[in-house]
Structures are given as structure tokens and as C-alpha cells.
Amino acid sequence: MASVTLTFADPINVSLQYGDGVYYATTSSVGGINTVTSIDNIVYMGTVDSFTDTTIVVDWTANAEMPLQNYFIFFSKNAIANTASLVGYYMEVKMRNNSTDQAELFAVSTELAKSSK
């Protein structure tokens, strides 16, 4: 399997993780806004092998051309790995507010499941 490195000028979304699927689609400009031309033009490239703030290394599995500079690149989460709730008996949460303005926290909630009985 070949690896392809995609480099971006802006930071990549923080929710990207190893194993996510990477896709690209052609775009066109409508009224100065770039939009995906058709969902039929979406091409699966492969899965994320590694990444930094501005690069993604993709295990290239697609039988397609490399995306061009103006193509829209996006990723999809692995549905099997990202559908379960938290598991275990203990959880630690750390919350920070870096604002100098007063703030109120109205609610904190989570969904979790015991890992064993």
C-alpha cells in the first residue's frame, strides 16, 4: 500500500485520528463560495496512517487520481470505534476557562457503561 502525504496551510481539525477514512471531492465556485459539485464526485483515498497539525499521511487505497489543490478534502470517523459510550468505573474530568470574563457552567453530563460487574 502506498502512502500519500497531504499538506495544508491551516491546522487540521482536532478530531482527526488514526484510522479515519479520508475522502476528496471536486468543487466549483458559486457566488464566490466553493461548493462540492456533486456527491457522485466523492472519492475515497484511504485511511489516516499518521498526522501532524498541518499534514495527513494516508494509506492510499484508492484507484483514483491524486486530489488537486482546489479539491475539498474531508474525513469520516470509524463508525465501529466511535459509537460506544465510555467504559469503566472511574473517570477524571478537567475543565478550564481561560476567559477573564465571568462564566457559569449550567450542566455537565455524560453517557457511560460499566465495563464489568
N, C-alpha and C. Protein backbone atom coordinates (compact mmCIF):
# COMPACT_ATOMS: atom_id res chain seq x y z
N MET A 1 0.83 -1.17 0.00
CA MET A 1 0.00 0.00 0.00
C MET A 1 0.88 1.24 0.00
N ALA A 2 0.58 2.18 -0.86
CA ALA A 2 1.37 3.40 -0.93
C ALA A 2 0.88 4.42 0.08
N SER A 3 1.78 5.24 0.56
CA SER A 3 1.42 6.33 1.48
C SER A 3 1.51 7.64 0.74
N VAL A 4 0.54 8.51 0.99
CA VAL A 4 0.50 9.83 0.39
C VAL A 4 0.42 10.85 1.50
N THR A 5 1.23 11.90 1.43
CA THR A 5 1.21 12.96 2.43
C THR A 5 0.48 14.17 1.87
N LEU A 6 -0.57 14.59 2.57
CA LEU A 6 -1.33 15.78 2.20
C LEU A 6 -0.92 16.90 3.15
N THR A 7 -0.56 18.06 2.60
CA THR A 7 -0.11 19.20 3.41
C THR A 7 -1.11 20.34 3.26
N PHE A 8 -1.47 20.95 4.39
CA PHE A 8 -2.46 22.01 4.41
C PHE A 8 -1.85 23.29 4.99
N ALA A 9 -2.36 24.43 4.54
CA ALA A 9 -1.87 25.71 5.04
C ALA A 9 -2.41 26.00 6.44
N ASP A 10 -3.62 25.54 6.72
CA ASP A 10 -4.26 25.79 8.02
C ASP A 10 -4.21 24.53 8.87
N PRO A 11 -4.35 24.67 10.19
CA PRO A 11 -4.37 23.50 11.06
C PRO A 11 -5.54 22.56 10.73
N ILE A 12 -5.30 21.28 10.89
CA ILE A 12 -6.31 20.26 10.62
C ILE A 12 -7.24 20.16 11.82
N ASN A 13 -8.49 19.80 11.57
CA ASN A 13 -9.49 19.63 12.62
C ASN A 13 -8.97 18.71 13.71
N VAL A 14 -9.14 19.11 14.97
CA VAL A 14 -8.58 18.38 16.11
C VAL A 14 -9.21 17.01 16.32
N SER A 15 -10.35 16.72 15.72
CA SER A 15 -10.99 15.42 15.92
C SER A 15 -10.45 14.34 14.99
N LEU A 16 -9.53 14.68 14.09
CA LEU A 16 -8.91 13.67 13.23
C LEU A 16 -8.12 12.68 14.07
N GLN A 17 -8.24 11.39 13.77
CA GLN A 17 -7.47 10.39 14.50
C GLN A 17 -7.08 9.25 13.56
N TYR A 18 -6.13 8.45 14.05
CA TYR A 18 -5.63 7.32 13.29
C TYR A 18 -6.79 6.41 12.88
N GLY A 19 -6.80 5.98 11.64
CA GLY A 19 -7.83 5.06 11.15
C GLY A 19 -9.04 5.72 10.52
N ASP A 20 -9.17 7.04 10.62
CA ASP A 20 -10.29 7.73 9.97
C ASP A 20 -10.16 7.60 8.46
N GLY A 21 -11.28 7.54 7.77
CA GLY A 21 -11.29 7.50 6.31
C GLY A 21 -11.09 8.90 5.75
N VAL A 22 -10.30 9.02 4.67
CA VAL A 22 -10.04 10.32 4.05
C VAL A 22 -10.63 10.31 2.64
N TYR A 23 -11.33 11.38 2.29
CA TYR A 23 -12.01 11.49 1.01
C TYR A 23 -11.65 12.82 0.36
N TYR A 24 -11.93 12.93 -0.95
CA TYR A 24 -11.85 14.23 -1.61
C TYR A 24 -13.00 14.36 -2.60
N ALA A 25 -13.33 15.61 -2.91
CA ALA A 25 -14.38 15.90 -3.88
C ALA A 25 -14.00 17.15 -4.65
N THR A 26 -14.45 17.20 -5.90
CA THR A 26 -14.20 18.39 -6.71
C THR A 26 -15.13 19.50 -6.24
N THR A 27 -14.71 20.73 -6.42
CA THR A 27 -15.51 21.88 -6.02
C THR A 27 -15.68 22.84 -7.18
N SER A 28 -16.67 23.69 -7.06
CA SER A 28 -16.83 24.78 -8.01
C SER A 28 -17.21 26.03 -7.23
N SER A 29 -16.94 27.18 -7.80
CA SER A 29 -17.23 28.44 -7.13
C SER A 29 -18.59 28.95 -7.58
N VAL A 30 -19.48 29.15 -6.61
CA VAL A 30 -20.81 29.68 -6.89
C VAL A 30 -20.97 30.94 -6.05
N GLY A 31 -20.98 32.08 -6.69
CA GLY A 31 -21.11 33.34 -5.97
C GLY A 31 -19.95 33.61 -5.04
N GLY A 32 -18.76 33.13 -5.40
CA GLY A 32 -17.58 33.34 -4.58
C GLY A 32 -17.42 32.34 -3.45
N ILE A 33 -18.33 31.36 -3.37
CA ILE A 33 -18.26 30.32 -2.34
C ILE A 33 -17.98 28.99 -3.01
N ASN A 34 -16.94 28.30 -2.55
CA ASN A 34 -16.62 26.98 -3.10
C ASN A 34 -17.57 25.94 -2.54
N THR A 35 -18.17 25.16 -3.41
CA THR A 35 -19.08 24.10 -3.00
C THR A 35 -18.71 22.80 -3.70
N VAL A 36 -19.04 21.68 -3.07
CA VAL A 36 -18.83 20.37 -3.69
C VAL A 36 -19.82 20.25 -4.84
N THR A 37 -19.33 19.87 -6.02
CA THR A 37 -20.18 19.87 -7.21
C THR A 37 -21.24 18.78 -7.18
N SER A 38 -20.90 17.60 -6.66
CA SER A 38 -21.86 16.51 -6.63
C SER A 38 -21.37 15.43 -5.67
N ILE A 39 -22.28 14.79 -4.97
CA ILE A 39 -21.85 13.70 -4.09
C ILE A 39 -21.36 12.51 -4.90
N ASP A 40 -21.69 12.48 -6.18
CA ASP A 40 -21.19 11.41 -7.06
C ASP A 40 -19.69 11.56 -7.32
N ASN A 41 -19.13 12.74 -7.06
CA ASN A 41 -17.71 13.00 -7.30
C ASN A 41 -16.85 12.75 -6.07
N ILE A 42 -17.41 12.22 -4.98
CA ILE A 42 -16.64 11.95 -3.77
C ILE A 42 -15.80 10.70 -3.98
N VAL A 43 -14.50 10.80 -3.68
CA VAL A 43 -13.56 9.70 -3.89
C VAL A 43 -12.90 9.34 -2.57
N TYR A 44 -12.94 8.05 -2.23
CA TYR A 44 -12.27 7.54 -1.03
C TYR A 44 -10.79 7.38 -1.34
N MET A 45 -9.93 7.97 -0.48
CA MET A 45 -8.49 7.87 -0.69
C MET A 45 -7.88 6.75 0.12
N GLY A 46 -8.30 6.58 1.36
CA GLY A 46 -7.72 5.57 2.24
C GLY A 46 -7.90 5.98 3.69
N THR A 47 -7.09 5.41 4.57
CA THR A 47 -7.20 5.71 6.00
C THR A 47 -6.01 6.51 6.49
N VAL A 48 -6.21 7.22 7.58
CA VAL A 48 -5.15 8.03 8.18
C VAL A 48 -4.12 7.10 8.80
N ASP A 49 -2.87 7.23 8.37
CA ASP A 49 -1.77 6.46 8.94
C ASP A 49 -1.10 7.24 10.06
N SER A 50 -0.90 8.55 9.83
CA SER A 50 -0.34 9.44 10.84
C SER A 50 -0.69 10.87 10.43
N PHE A 51 -0.49 11.81 11.37
CA PHE A 51 -0.81 13.20 11.06
C PHE A 51 -0.11 14.13 12.03
N THR A 52 0.02 15.38 11.60
CA THR A 52 0.52 16.46 12.45
C THR A 52 -0.52 17.57 12.39
N ASP A 53 -0.16 18.76 12.84
CA ASP A 53 -1.11 19.88 12.80
C ASP A 53 -1.49 20.27 11.38
N THR A 54 -0.59 20.08 10.42
CA THR A 54 -0.85 20.54 9.06
C THR A 54 -0.65 19.47 7.99
N THR A 55 -0.37 18.23 8.37
CA THR A 55 -0.19 17.16 7.37
C THR A 55 -0.96 15.91 7.76
N ILE A 56 -1.38 15.17 6.76
CA ILE A 56 -2.01 13.87 6.95
C ILE A 56 -1.31 12.87 6.05
N VAL A 57 -0.85 11.76 6.62
CA VAL A 57 -0.30 10.67 5.82
C VAL A 57 -1.41 9.64 5.65
N VAL A 58 -1.77 9.38 4.38
CA VAL A 58 -2.89 8.50 4.06
C VAL A 58 -2.35 7.21 3.45
N ASP A 59 -2.83 6.06 3.95
CA ASP A 59 -2.57 4.78 3.28
C ASP A 59 -3.46 4.76 2.05
N TRP A 60 -2.86 5.05 0.90
CA TRP A 60 -3.61 5.23 -0.34
C TRP A 60 -4.13 3.89 -0.85
N THR A 61 -5.45 3.73 -0.84
CA THR A 61 -6.06 2.51 -1.35
C THR A 61 -6.93 2.79 -2.56
N ALA A 62 -7.10 4.04 -2.88
CA ALA A 62 -7.99 4.42 -3.97
C ALA A 62 -7.38 4.08 -5.32
N ASN A 63 -8.24 3.71 -6.22
CA ASN A 63 -7.83 3.51 -7.60
C ASN A 63 -8.26 4.77 -8.35
N ALA A 64 -7.68 5.90 -7.95
CA ALA A 64 -8.09 7.19 -8.49
C ALA A 64 -6.89 8.12 -8.56
N GLU A 65 -7.12 9.25 -9.22
CA GLU A 65 -6.07 10.26 -9.33
C GLU A 65 -5.86 10.96 -7.99
N MET A 66 -4.68 11.55 -7.84
CA MET A 66 -4.40 12.35 -6.66
C MET A 66 -5.28 13.59 -6.68
N PRO A 67 -5.73 14.07 -5.51
CA PRO A 67 -6.54 15.30 -5.49
C PRO A 67 -5.71 16.51 -5.89
N LEU A 68 -6.36 17.45 -6.55
CA LEU A 68 -5.70 18.69 -6.94
C LEU A 68 -5.80 19.69 -5.80
N GLN A 69 -5.10 20.79 -5.94
CA GLN A 69 -5.01 21.79 -4.88
C GLN A 69 -6.36 22.36 -4.49
N ASN A 70 -7.30 22.52 -5.42
CA ASN A 70 -8.58 23.15 -5.09
C ASN A 70 -9.66 22.14 -4.73
N TYR A 71 -9.31 20.88 -4.54
CA TYR A 71 -10.30 19.86 -4.15
C TYR A 71 -10.59 19.98 -2.66
N PHE A 72 -11.78 19.56 -2.28
CA PHE A 72 -12.21 19.57 -0.89
C PHE A 72 -11.81 18.23 -0.26
N ILE A 73 -10.98 18.28 0.79
CA ILE A 73 -10.52 17.09 1.49
C ILE A 73 -11.29 17.00 2.81
N PHE A 74 -11.82 15.82 3.11
CA PHE A 74 -12.52 15.65 4.38
C PHE A 74 -12.32 14.24 4.91
N PHE A 75 -12.72 14.02 6.17
CA PHE A 75 -12.52 12.70 6.76
C PHE A 75 -13.80 12.24 7.44
N SER A 76 -13.85 10.93 7.64
CA SER A 76 -15.01 10.30 8.26
C SER A 76 -14.52 9.43 9.40
N LYS A 77 -15.24 9.46 10.52
CA LYS A 77 -14.86 8.66 11.67
C LYS A 77 -15.20 7.19 11.43
N ASN A 78 -14.43 6.31 12.07
CA ASN A 78 -14.70 4.88 12.02
C ASN A 78 -15.94 4.62 12.87
N ALA A 79 -17.03 4.17 12.26
CA ALA A 79 -18.31 4.01 12.96
C ALA A 79 -18.24 2.95 14.05
N ILE A 80 -17.43 1.93 13.89
CA ILE A 80 -17.33 0.88 14.90
C ILE A 80 -16.60 1.40 16.14
N ALA A 81 -15.53 2.14 15.94
CA ALA A 81 -14.71 2.60 17.06
C ALA A 81 -15.31 3.80 17.77
N ASN A 82 -16.20 4.53 17.15
CA ASN A 82 -16.67 5.79 17.73
C ASN A 82 -18.16 5.80 18.07
N THR A 83 -18.76 4.64 18.32
CA THR A 83 -20.17 4.63 18.67
C THR A 83 -20.42 4.19 20.11
N ALA A 84 -19.44 3.62 20.77
CA ALA A 84 -19.64 3.13 22.13
C ALA A 84 -19.56 4.27 23.14
N SER A 85 -20.18 4.05 24.27
CA SER A 85 -20.08 5.03 25.35
C SER A 85 -18.80 4.78 26.13
N LEU A 86 -18.52 5.65 27.09
CA LEU A 86 -17.35 5.48 27.94
C LEU A 86 -17.50 4.20 28.75
N VAL A 87 -16.39 3.52 29.01
CA VAL A 87 -16.42 2.25 29.73
C VAL A 87 -15.51 2.34 30.94
N GLY A 88 -15.96 1.81 32.07
CA GLY A 88 -15.10 1.75 33.24
C GLY A 88 -15.80 2.19 34.50
N TYR A 89 -15.07 2.16 35.62
CA TYR A 89 -15.62 2.54 36.92
C TYR A 89 -15.25 3.96 37.32
N TYR A 90 -14.16 4.48 36.80
CA TYR A 90 -13.67 5.79 37.22
C TYR A 90 -13.48 6.68 36.01
N MET A 91 -13.69 7.96 36.23
CA MET A 91 -13.48 8.93 35.16
C MET A 91 -12.93 10.20 35.80
N GLU A 92 -12.02 10.84 35.12
CA GLU A 92 -11.48 12.10 35.60
C GLU A 92 -11.75 13.15 34.53
N VAL A 93 -12.25 14.28 34.96
CA VAL A 93 -12.59 15.35 34.04
C VAL A 93 -11.85 16.61 34.46
N LYS A 94 -11.26 17.28 33.51
CA LYS A 94 -10.57 18.53 33.78
C LYS A 94 -11.18 19.59 32.86
N MET A 95 -11.70 20.65 33.44
CA MET A 95 -12.30 21.74 32.67
C MET A 95 -11.56 23.02 32.96
N ARG A 96 -11.35 23.81 31.93
CA ARG A 96 -10.66 25.09 32.09
C ARG A 96 -11.43 26.19 31.40
N ASN A 97 -11.37 27.34 31.99
CA ASN A 97 -11.92 28.54 31.37
C ASN A 97 -10.80 29.57 31.35
N ASN A 98 -10.27 29.85 30.17
CA ASN A 98 -9.17 30.80 30.04
C ASN A 98 -9.65 32.24 29.88
N SER A 99 -10.95 32.43 29.89
CA SER A 99 -11.52 33.76 29.73
C SER A 99 -11.34 34.57 31.02
N THR A 100 -11.18 35.87 30.89
CA THR A 100 -11.12 36.74 32.06
C THR A 100 -12.51 37.21 32.46
N ASP A 101 -13.51 36.92 31.60
CA ASP A 101 -14.90 37.29 31.90
C ASP A 101 -15.53 36.23 32.79
N GLN A 102 -16.54 36.65 33.55
CA GLN A 102 -17.27 35.72 34.39
C GLN A 102 -18.02 34.72 33.51
N ALA A 103 -18.04 33.46 33.92
CA ALA A 103 -18.74 32.42 33.17
C ALA A 103 -19.45 31.51 34.14
N GLU A 104 -20.56 30.93 33.71
CA GLU A 104 -21.30 29.98 34.53
C GLU A 104 -21.41 28.67 33.79
N LEU A 105 -21.30 27.58 34.52
CA LEU A 105 -21.48 26.26 33.97
C LEU A 105 -22.85 25.76 34.42
N PHE A 106 -23.75 25.50 33.48
CA PHE A 106 -25.11 25.13 33.83
C PHE A 106 -25.28 23.62 34.01
N ALA A 107 -24.55 22.82 33.23
CA ALA A 107 -24.71 21.36 33.35
C ALA A 107 -23.51 20.65 32.74
N VAL A 108 -23.22 19.50 33.31
CA VAL A 108 -22.23 18.60 32.76
C VAL A 108 -22.86 17.22 32.79
N SER A 109 -22.82 16.51 31.67
CA SER A 109 -23.40 15.17 31.65
C SER A 109 -22.56 14.27 30.78
N THR A 110 -22.74 12.98 30.94
CA THR A 110 -22.02 12.00 30.14
C THR A 110 -22.84 10.73 30.03
N GLU A 111 -22.49 9.92 29.09
CA GLU A 111 -23.09 8.60 28.96
C GLU A 111 -21.98 7.60 29.18
N LEU A 112 -22.15 6.68 30.10
CA LEU A 112 -21.13 5.68 30.32
C LEU A 112 -21.75 4.35 30.63
N ALA A 113 -20.95 3.30 30.48
CA ALA A 113 -21.43 1.94 30.74
C ALA A 113 -20.39 1.23 31.59
N LYS A 114 -20.85 0.45 32.57
CA LYS A 114 -19.92 -0.32 33.39
C LYS A 114 -19.22 -1.34 32.52
N SER A 115 -17.91 -1.49 32.72
CA SER A 115 -17.16 -2.43 31.89
C SER A 115 -17.30 -3.87 32.39
N SER A 116 -17.64 -4.08 33.65
CA SER A 116 -17.87 -5.42 34.18
C SER A 116 -18.68 -5.32 35.46
N LYS A 117 -19.16 -6.44 35.93
CA LYS A 117 -19.97 -6.43 37.17
C LYS A 117 -19.25 -7.07 38.29
